[in-house]
Amino acid sequence: RFTISRDNAKNTVYLQMNSLKPEDTAVYYCNLIR
């Protein structure tokens, strides 16, 4: 349902979220993996 992608030229990471469900309700953050 979700697809993550990145554009290094824009220093931006994206999250495409489809078929959203009520349980996806949350505050979303980005960060490094560690």
ModelCIF file with pLDDT and N, C-alpha, C, O atoms, coordinates in Angstrom:
data_MODEL
#
_entry.id   MODEL 
#
_entity.id                         1 
_entity.type                       polymer 
_entity.pdbx_number_of_molecules   1 
#
_entity_poly.entity_id                      1 
_entity_poly.type                           'polypeptide(L)' 
_entity_poly.nstd_linkage                   no 
_entity_poly.nstd_monomer                   no 
_entity_poly.pdbx_seq_one_letter_code       RFTISRDNAKNTVYLQMNSLKPEDTAVYYCNLIR 
_entity_poly.pdbx_seq_one_letter_code_can   RFTISRDNAKNTVYLQMNSLKPEDTAVYYCNLIR 
_entity_poly.pdbx_strand_id                 A 
#
loop_
_entity_poly_seq.entity_id 
_entity_poly_seq.num 
_entity_poly_seq.mon_id 
_entity_poly_seq.hetero 
1 1  ARG n 
1 2  PHE n 
1 3  THR n 
1 4  ILE n 
1 5  SER n 
1 6  ARG n 
1 7  ASP n 
1 8  ASN n 
1 9  ALA n 
1 10 LYS n 
1 11 ASN n 
1 12 THR n 
1 13 VAL n 
1 14 TYR n 
1 15 LEU n 
1 16 GLN n 
1 17 MET n 
1 18 ASN n 
1 19 SER n 
1 20 LEU n 
1 21 LYS n 
1 22 PRO n 
1 23 GLU n 
1 24 ASP n 
1 25 THR n 
1 26 ALA n 
1 27 VAL n 
1 28 TYR n 
1 29 TYR n 
1 30 CYS n 
1 31 ASN n 
1 32 LEU n 
1 33 ILE n 
1 34 ARG n 
#
_struct_asym.id          A 
_struct_asym.entity_id   1 
#
loop_
_ma_qa_metric.id 
_ma_qa_metric.mode 
_ma_qa_metric.name 
_ma_qa_metric.software_group_id 
_ma_qa_metric.type 
1 global pLDDT . pLDDT 
2 local  pLDDT . pLDDT 
#
_ma_qa_metric_global.metric_id      1 
_ma_qa_metric_global.metric_value   97.50 
_ma_qa_metric_global.model_id       1 
_ma_qa_metric_global.ordinal_id     1 
#
loop_
_ma_qa_metric_local.label_asym_id 
_ma_qa_metric_local.label_comp_id 
_ma_qa_metric_local.label_seq_id 
_ma_qa_metric_local.metric_id 
_ma_qa_metric_local.metric_value 
_ma_qa_metric_local.model_id 
_ma_qa_metric_local.ordinal_id 
A ARG 1  2 98.00 1 1  
A PHE 2  2 98.00 1 2  
A THR 3  2 98.00 1 3  
A ILE 4  2 98.00 1 4  
A SER 5  2 98.00 1 5  
A ARG 6  2 98.00 1 6  
A ASP 7  2 98.00 1 7  
A ASN 8  2 97.00 1 8  
A ALA 9  2 97.00 1 9  
A LYS 10 2 98.00 1 10 
A ASN 11 2 98.00 1 11 
A THR 12 2 98.00 1 12 
A VAL 13 2 98.00 1 13 
A TYR 14 2 98.00 1 14 
A LEU 15 2 98.00 1 15 
A GLN 16 2 98.00 1 16 
A MET 17 2 98.00 1 17 
A ASN 18 2 98.00 1 18 
A SER 19 2 98.00 1 19 
A LEU 20 2 98.00 1 20 
A LYS 21 2 98.00 1 21 
A PRO 22 2 97.00 1 22 
A GLU 23 2 97.00 1 23 
A ASP 24 2 98.00 1 24 
A THR 25 2 98.00 1 25 
A ALA 26 2 98.00 1 26 
A VAL 27 2 98.00 1 27 
A TYR 28 2 98.00 1 28 
A TYR 29 2 98.00 1 29 
A CYS 30 2 98.00 1 30 
A ASN 31 2 97.00 1 31 
A LEU 32 2 97.00 1 32 
A ILE 33 2 95.00 1 33 
A ARG 34 2 90.00 1 34 
#
loop_
_atom_site.group_PDB 
_atom_site.id 
_atom_site.type_symbol 
_atom_site.label_atom_id 
_atom_site.label_alt_id 
_atom_site.label_comp_id 
_atom_site.label_asym_id 
_atom_site.label_entity_id 
_atom_site.label_seq_id 
_atom_site.pdbx_PDB_ins_code 
_atom_site.Cartn_x 
_atom_site.Cartn_y 
_atom_site.Cartn_z 
_atom_site.occupancy 
_atom_site.B_iso_or_equiv 
_atom_site.pdbx_formal_charge 
_atom_site.auth_seq_id 
_atom_site.auth_comp_id 
_atom_site.auth_asym_id 
_atom_site.auth_atom_id 
_atom_site.pdbx_PDB_model_num 
ATOM 1   N N  . ARG A 1 1  ? 0.820  -1.227 0.000  1.00 98.00 ? 1  ARG A N  1 
ATOM 2   C CA . ARG A 1 1  ? 0.000  0.000  0.000  1.00 98.00 ? 1  ARG A CA 1 
ATOM 3   C C  . ARG A 1 1  ? 0.848  1.269  0.000  1.00 98.00 ? 1  ARG A C  1 
ATOM 4   O O  . ARG A 1 1  ? 0.458  2.281  -0.582 1.00 98.00 ? 1  ARG A O  1 
ATOM 5   N N  . PHE A 1 2  ? 1.997  1.213  0.649  1.00 98.00 ? 2  PHE A N  1 
ATOM 6   C CA . PHE A 1 2  ? 2.884  2.379  0.757  1.00 98.00 ? 2  PHE A CA 1 
ATOM 7   C C  . PHE A 1 2  ? 4.105  2.177  -0.134 1.00 98.00 ? 2  PHE A C  1 
ATOM 8   O O  . PHE A 1 2  ? 4.573  1.055  -0.329 1.00 98.00 ? 2  PHE A O  1 
ATOM 9   N N  . THR A 1 3  ? 4.611  3.287  -0.670 1.00 98.00 ? 3  THR A N  1 
ATOM 10  C CA . THR A 1 3  ? 5.837  3.259  -1.472 1.00 98.00 ? 3  THR A CA 1 
ATOM 11  C C  . THR A 1 3  ? 6.745  4.392  -1.035 1.00 98.00 ? 3  THR A C  1 
ATOM 12  O O  . THR A 1 3  ? 6.343  5.556  -1.030 1.00 98.00 ? 3  THR A O  1 
ATOM 13  N N  . ILE A 1 4  ? 7.964  4.051  -0.671 1.00 98.00 ? 4  ILE A N  1 
ATOM 14  C CA . ILE A 1 4  ? 8.947  5.059  -0.293 1.00 98.00 ? 4  ILE A CA 1 
ATOM 15  C C  . ILE A 1 4  ? 9.862  5.320  -1.482 1.00 98.00 ? 4  ILE A C  1 
ATOM 16  O O  . ILE A 1 4  ? 10.205 4.403  -2.228 1.00 98.00 ? 4  ILE A O  1 
ATOM 17  N N  . SER A 1 5  ? 10.252 6.575  -1.649 1.00 98.00 ? 5  SER A N  1 
ATOM 18  C CA . SER A 1 5  ? 11.170 6.936  -2.723 1.00 98.00 ? 5  SER A CA 1 
ATOM 19  C C  . SER A 1 5  ? 12.002 8.131  -2.268 1.00 98.00 ? 5  SER A C  1 
ATOM 20  O O  . SER A 1 5  ? 11.712 8.759  -1.250 1.00 98.00 ? 5  SER A O  1 
ATOM 21  N N  . ARG A 1 6  ? 13.035 8.428  -3.040 1.00 98.00 ? 6  ARG A N  1 
ATOM 22  C CA . ARG A 1 6  ? 13.886 9.549  -2.674 1.00 98.00 ? 6  ARG A CA 1 
ATOM 23  C C  . ARG A 1 6  ? 14.353 10.283 -3.919 1.00 98.00 ? 6  ARG A C  1 
ATOM 24  O O  . ARG A 1 6  ? 14.476 9.708  -5.001 1.00 98.00 ? 6  ARG A O  1 
ATOM 25  N N  . ASP A 1 7  ? 14.609 11.568 -3.734 1.00 98.00 ? 7  ASP A N  1 
ATOM 26  C CA . ASP A 1 7  ? 15.171 12.415 -4.792 1.00 98.00 ? 7  ASP A CA 1 
ATOM 27  C C  . ASP A 1 7  ? 16.408 13.061 -4.188 1.00 98.00 ? 7  ASP A C  1 
ATOM 28  O O  . ASP A 1 7  ? 16.305 14.032 -3.439 1.00 98.00 ? 7  ASP A O  1 
ATOM 29  N N  . ASN A 1 8  ? 17.579 12.519 -4.515 1.00 97.00 ? 8  ASN A N  1 
ATOM 30  C CA . ASN A 1 8  ? 18.807 13.026 -3.918 1.00 97.00 ? 8  ASN A CA 1 
ATOM 31  C C  . ASN A 1 8  ? 19.136 14.449 -4.378 1.00 97.00 ? 8  ASN A C  1 
ATOM 32  O O  . ASN A 1 8  ? 19.796 15.196 -3.657 1.00 97.00 ? 8  ASN A O  1 
ATOM 33  N N  . ALA A 1 9  ? 18.687 14.818 -5.554 1.00 97.00 ? 9  ALA A N  1 
ATOM 34  C CA . ALA A 1 9  ? 18.924 16.181 -6.041 1.00 97.00 ? 9  ALA A CA 1 
ATOM 35  C C  . ALA A 1 9  ? 18.170 17.202 -5.196 1.00 97.00 ? 9  ALA A C  1 
ATOM 36  O O  . ALA A 1 9  ? 18.595 18.350 -5.068 1.00 97.00 ? 9  ALA A O  1 
ATOM 37  N N  . LYS A 1 10 ? 17.050 16.774 -4.623 1.00 98.00 ? 10 LYS A N  1 
ATOM 38  C CA . LYS A 1 10 ? 16.234 17.684 -3.798 1.00 98.00 ? 10 LYS A CA 1 
ATOM 39  C C  . LYS A 1 10 ? 16.367 17.399 -2.311 1.00 98.00 ? 10 LYS A C  1 
ATOM 40  O O  . LYS A 1 10 ? 15.701 18.034 -1.493 1.00 98.00 ? 10 LYS A O  1 
ATOM 41  N N  . ASN A 1 11 ? 17.228 16.440 -1.956 1.00 98.00 ? 11 ASN A N  1 
ATOM 42  C CA . ASN A 1 11 ? 17.381 16.048 -0.537 1.00 98.00 ? 11 ASN A CA 1 
ATOM 43  C C  . ASN A 1 11 ? 16.027 15.761 0.100  1.00 98.00 ? 11 ASN A C  1 
ATOM 44  O O  . ASN A 1 11 ? 15.744 16.208 1.212  1.00 98.00 ? 11 ASN A O  1 
ATOM 45  N N  . THR A 1 12 ? 15.201 15.016 -0.611 1.00 98.00 ? 12 THR A N  1 
ATOM 46  C CA . THR A 1 12 ? 13.829 14.773 -0.169 1.00 98.00 ? 12 THR A CA 1 
ATOM 47  C C  . THR A 1 12 ? 13.497 13.289 -0.254 1.00 98.00 ? 12 THR A C  1 
ATOM 48  O O  . THR A 1 12 ? 13.873 12.602 -1.204 1.00 98.00 ? 12 THR A O  1 
ATOM 49  N N  . VAL A 1 13 ? 12.794 12.818 0.749  1.00 98.00 ? 13 VAL A N  1 
ATOM 50  C CA . VAL A 1 13 ? 12.274 11.450 0.737  1.00 98.00 ? 13 VAL A CA 1 
ATOM 51  C C  . VAL A 1 13 ? 10.750 11.532 0.781  1.00 98.00 ? 13 VAL A C  1 
ATOM 52  O O  . VAL A 1 13 ? 10.177 12.382 1.462  1.00 98.00 ? 13 VAL A O  1 
ATOM 53  N N  . TYR A 1 14 ? 10.111 10.634 0.043  1.00 98.00 ? 14 TYR A N  1 
ATOM 54  C CA . TYR A 1 14 ? 8.658  10.659 -0.106 1.00 98.00 ? 14 TYR A CA 1 
ATOM 55  C C  . TYR A 1 14 ? 8.047  9.369  0.432  1.00 98.00 ? 14 TYR A C  1 
ATOM 56  O O  . TYR A 1 14 ? 8.711  8.337  0.522  1.00 98.00 ? 14 TYR A O  1 
ATOM 57  N N  . LEU A 1 15 ? 6.780  9.454  0.783  1.00 98.00 ? 15 LEU A N  1 
ATOM 58  C CA . LEU A 1 15 ? 6.015  8.262  1.125  1.00 98.00 ? 15 LEU A CA 1 
ATOM 59  C C  . LEU A 1 15 ? 4.649  8.379  0.453  1.00 98.00 ? 15 LEU A C  1 
ATOM 60  O O  . LEU A 1 15 ? 3.808  9.183  0.858  1.00 98.00 ? 15 LEU A O  1 
ATOM 61  N N  . GLN A 1 16 ? 4.448  7.574  -0.564 1.00 98.00 ? 16 GLN A N  1 
ATOM 62  C CA . GLN A 1 16 ? 3.141  7.501  -1.225 1.00 98.00 ? 16 GLN A CA 1 
ATOM 63  C C  . GLN A 1 16 ? 2.306  6.481  -0.476 1.00 98.00 ? 16 GLN A C  1 
ATOM 64  O O  . GLN A 1 16 ? 2.694  5.320  -0.344 1.00 98.00 ? 16 GLN A O  1 
ATOM 65  N N  . MET A 1 17 ? 1.170  6.915  0.007  1.00 98.00 ? 17 MET A N  1 
ATOM 66  C CA . MET A 1 17 ? 0.305  6.047  0.805  1.00 98.00 ? 17 MET A CA 1 
ATOM 67  C C  . MET A 1 17 ? -1.025 5.875  0.085  1.00 98.00 ? 17 MET A C  1 
ATOM 68  O O  . MET A 1 17 ? -1.764 6.839  -0.114 1.00 98.00 ? 17 MET A O  1 
ATOM 69  N N  . ASN A 1 18 ? -1.317 4.664  -0.293 1.00 98.00 ? 18 ASN A N  1 
ATOM 70  C CA . ASN A 1 18 ? -2.563 4.339  -0.973 1.00 98.00 ? 18 ASN A CA 1 
ATOM 71  C C  . ASN A 1 18 ? -3.398 3.390  -0.121 1.00 98.00 ? 18 ASN A C  1 
ATOM 72  O O  . ASN A 1 18 ? -2.903 2.778  0.825  1.00 98.00 ? 18 ASN A O  1 
ATOM 73  N N  . SER A 1 19 ? -4.667 3.284  -0.475 1.00 98.00 ? 19 SER A N  1 
ATOM 74  C CA . SER A 1 19 ? -5.576 2.371  0.239  1.00 98.00 ? 19 SER A CA 1 
ATOM 75  C C  . SER A 1 19 ? -5.474 2.564  1.753  1.00 98.00 ? 19 SER A C  1 
ATOM 76  O O  . SER A 1 19 ? -5.336 1.607  2.514  1.00 98.00 ? 19 SER A O  1 
ATOM 77  N N  . LEU A 1 20 ? -5.544 3.811  2.156  1.00 98.00 ? 20 LEU A N  1 
ATOM 78  C CA . LEU A 1 20 ? -5.355 4.124  3.570  1.00 98.00 ? 20 LEU A CA 1 
ATOM 79  C C  . LEU A 1 20 ? -6.471 3.535  4.423  1.00 98.00 ? 20 LEU A C  1 
ATOM 80  O O  . LEU A 1 20 ? -7.624 3.429  4.005  1.00 98.00 ? 20 LEU A O  1 
ATOM 81  N N  . LYS A 1 21 ? -6.079 3.156  5.635  1.00 98.00 ? 21 LYS A N  1 
ATOM 82  C CA . LYS A 1 21 ? -6.986 2.552  6.598  1.00 98.00 ? 21 LYS A CA 1 
ATOM 83  C C  . LYS A 1 21 ? -7.021 3.406  7.866  1.00 98.00 ? 21 LYS A C  1 
ATOM 84  O O  . LYS A 1 21 ? -6.064 4.129  8.140  1.00 98.00 ? 21 LYS A O  1 
ATOM 85  N N  . PRO A 1 22 ? -8.088 3.339  8.633  1.00 97.00 ? 22 PRO A N  1 
ATOM 86  C CA . PRO A 1 22 ? -8.132 4.110  9.889  1.00 97.00 ? 22 PRO A CA 1 
ATOM 87  C C  . PRO A 1 22 ? -6.940 3.822  10.801 1.00 97.00 ? 22 PRO A C  1 
ATOM 88  O O  . PRO A 1 22 ? -6.491 4.709  11.526 1.00 97.00 ? 22 PRO A O  1 
ATOM 89  N N  . GLU A 1 23 ? -6.434 2.611  10.771 1.00 97.00 ? 23 GLU A N  1 
ATOM 90  C CA . GLU A 1 23 ? -5.289 2.269  11.620 1.00 97.00 ? 23 GLU A CA 1 
ATOM 91  C C  . GLU A 1 23 ? -3.982 2.898  11.152 1.00 97.00 ? 23 GLU A C  1 
ATOM 92  O O  . GLU A 1 23 ? -2.968 2.791  11.841 1.00 97.00 ? 23 GLU A O  1 
ATOM 93  N N  . ASP A 1 24 ? -3.988 3.548  10.000 1.00 98.00 ? 24 ASP A N  1 
ATOM 94  C CA . ASP A 1 24 ? -2.812 4.305  9.553  1.00 98.00 ? 24 ASP A CA 1 
ATOM 95  C C  . ASP A 1 24 ? -2.765 5.685  10.200 1.00 98.00 ? 24 ASP A C  1 
ATOM 96  O O  . ASP A 1 24 ? -1.779 6.403  10.037 1.00 98.00 ? 24 ASP A O  1 
ATOM 97  N N  . THR A 1 25 ? -3.793 6.063  10.917 1.00 98.00 ? 25 THR A N  1 
ATOM 98  C CA . THR A 1 25 ? -3.824 7.362  11.577 1.00 98.00 ? 25 THR A CA 1 
ATOM 99  C C  . THR A 1 25 ? -2.676 7.480  12.572 1.00 98.00 ? 25 THR A C  1 
ATOM 100 O O  . THR A 1 25 ? -2.530 6.654  13.473 1.00 98.00 ? 25 THR A O  1 
ATOM 101 N N  . ALA A 1 26 ? -1.867 8.516  12.396 1.00 98.00 ? 26 ALA A N  1 
ATOM 102 C CA . ALA A 1 26 ? -0.677 8.712  13.228 1.00 98.00 ? 26 ALA A CA 1 
ATOM 103 C C  . ALA A 1 26 ? 0.010  10.005 12.808 1.00 98.00 ? 26 ALA A C  1 
ATOM 104 O O  . ALA A 1 26 ? -0.351 10.622 11.806 1.00 98.00 ? 26 ALA A O  1 
ATOM 105 N N  . VAL A 1 27 ? 0.998  10.399 13.586 1.00 98.00 ? 27 VAL A N  1 
ATOM 106 C CA . VAL A 1 27 ? 1.928  11.433 13.149 1.00 98.00 ? 27 VAL A CA 1 
ATOM 107 C C  . VAL A 1 27 ? 3.095  10.721 12.468 1.00 98.00 ? 27 VAL A C  1 
ATOM 108 O O  . VAL A 1 27 ? 3.680  9.788  13.019 1.00 98.00 ? 27 VAL A O  1 
ATOM 109 N N  . TYR A 1 28 ? 3.416  11.174 11.274 1.00 98.00 ? 28 TYR A N  1 
ATOM 110 C CA . TYR A 1 28 ? 4.467  10.553 10.474 1.00 98.00 ? 28 TYR A CA 1 
ATOM 111 C C  . TYR A 1 28 ? 5.724  11.419 10.497 1.00 98.00 ? 28 TYR A C  1 
ATOM 112 O O  . TYR A 1 28 ? 5.663  12.641 10.365 1.00 98.00 ? 28 TYR A O  1 
ATOM 113 N N  . TYR A 1 29 ? 6.863  10.751 10.667 1.00 98.00 ? 29 TYR A N  1 
ATOM 114 C CA . TYR A 1 29 ? 8.157  11.406 10.751 1.00 98.00 ? 29 TYR A CA 1 
ATOM 115 C C  . TYR A 1 29 ? 9.142  10.737 9.796  1.00 98.00 ? 29 TYR A C  1 
ATOM 116 O O  . TYR A 1 29 ? 8.978  9.572  9.434  1.00 98.00 ? 29 TYR A O  1 
ATOM 117 N N  . CYS A 1 30 ? 10.158 11.481 9.398  1.00 98.00 ? 30 CYS A N  1 
ATOM 118 C CA . CYS A 1 30 ? 11.274 10.863 8.686  1.00 98.00 ? 30 CYS A CA 1 
ATOM 119 C C  . CYS A 1 30 ? 12.537 11.039 9.516  1.00 98.00 ? 30 CYS A C  1 
ATOM 120 O O  . CYS A 1 30 ? 12.638 11.960 10.327 1.00 98.00 ? 30 CYS A O  1 
ATOM 121 N N  . ASN A 1 31 ? 13.489 10.155 9.307  1.00 97.00 ? 31 ASN A N  1 
ATOM 122 C CA . ASN A 1 31 ? 14.773 10.228 9.997  1.00 97.00 ? 31 ASN A CA 1 
ATOM 123 C C  . ASN A 1 31 ? 15.680 9.169  9.395  1.00 97.00 ? 31 ASN A C  1 
ATOM 124 O O  . ASN A 1 31 ? 15.277 8.397  8.526  1.00 97.00 ? 31 ASN A O  1 
ATOM 125 N N  . LEU A 1 32 ? 16.912 9.152  9.878  1.00 97.00 ? 32 LEU A N  1 
ATOM 126 C CA . LEU A 1 32 ? 17.816 8.083  9.477  1.00 97.00 ? 32 LEU A CA 1 
ATOM 127 C C  . LEU A 1 32 ? 17.285 6.755  10.023 1.00 97.00 ? 32 LEU A C  1 
ATOM 128 O O  . LEU A 1 32 ? 16.358 6.715  10.831 1.00 97.00 ? 32 LEU A O  1 
ATOM 129 N N  . ILE A 1 33 ? 17.907 5.674  9.552  1.00 95.00 ? 33 ILE A N  1 
ATOM 130 C CA . ILE A 1 33 ? 17.514 4.354  10.039 1.00 95.00 ? 33 ILE A CA 1 
ATOM 131 C C  . ILE A 1 33 ? 18.111 4.080  11.416 1.00 95.00 ? 33 ILE A C  1 
ATOM 132 O O  . ILE A 1 33 ? 17.521 3.354  12.216 1.00 95.00 ? 33 ILE A O  1 
ATOM 133 N N  . ARG A 1 34 ? 19.250 4.643  11.687 1.00 90.00 ? 34 ARG A N  1 
ATOM 134 C CA . ARG A 1 34 ? 19.909 4.490  12.997 1.00 90.00 ? 34 ARG A CA 1 
ATOM 135 C C  . ARG A 1 34 ? 20.608 5.793  13.325 1.00 90.00 ? 34 ARG A C  1 
ATOM 136 O O  . ARG A 1 34 ? 21.234 5.910  14.378 1.00 90.00 ? 34 ARG A O  1 
#
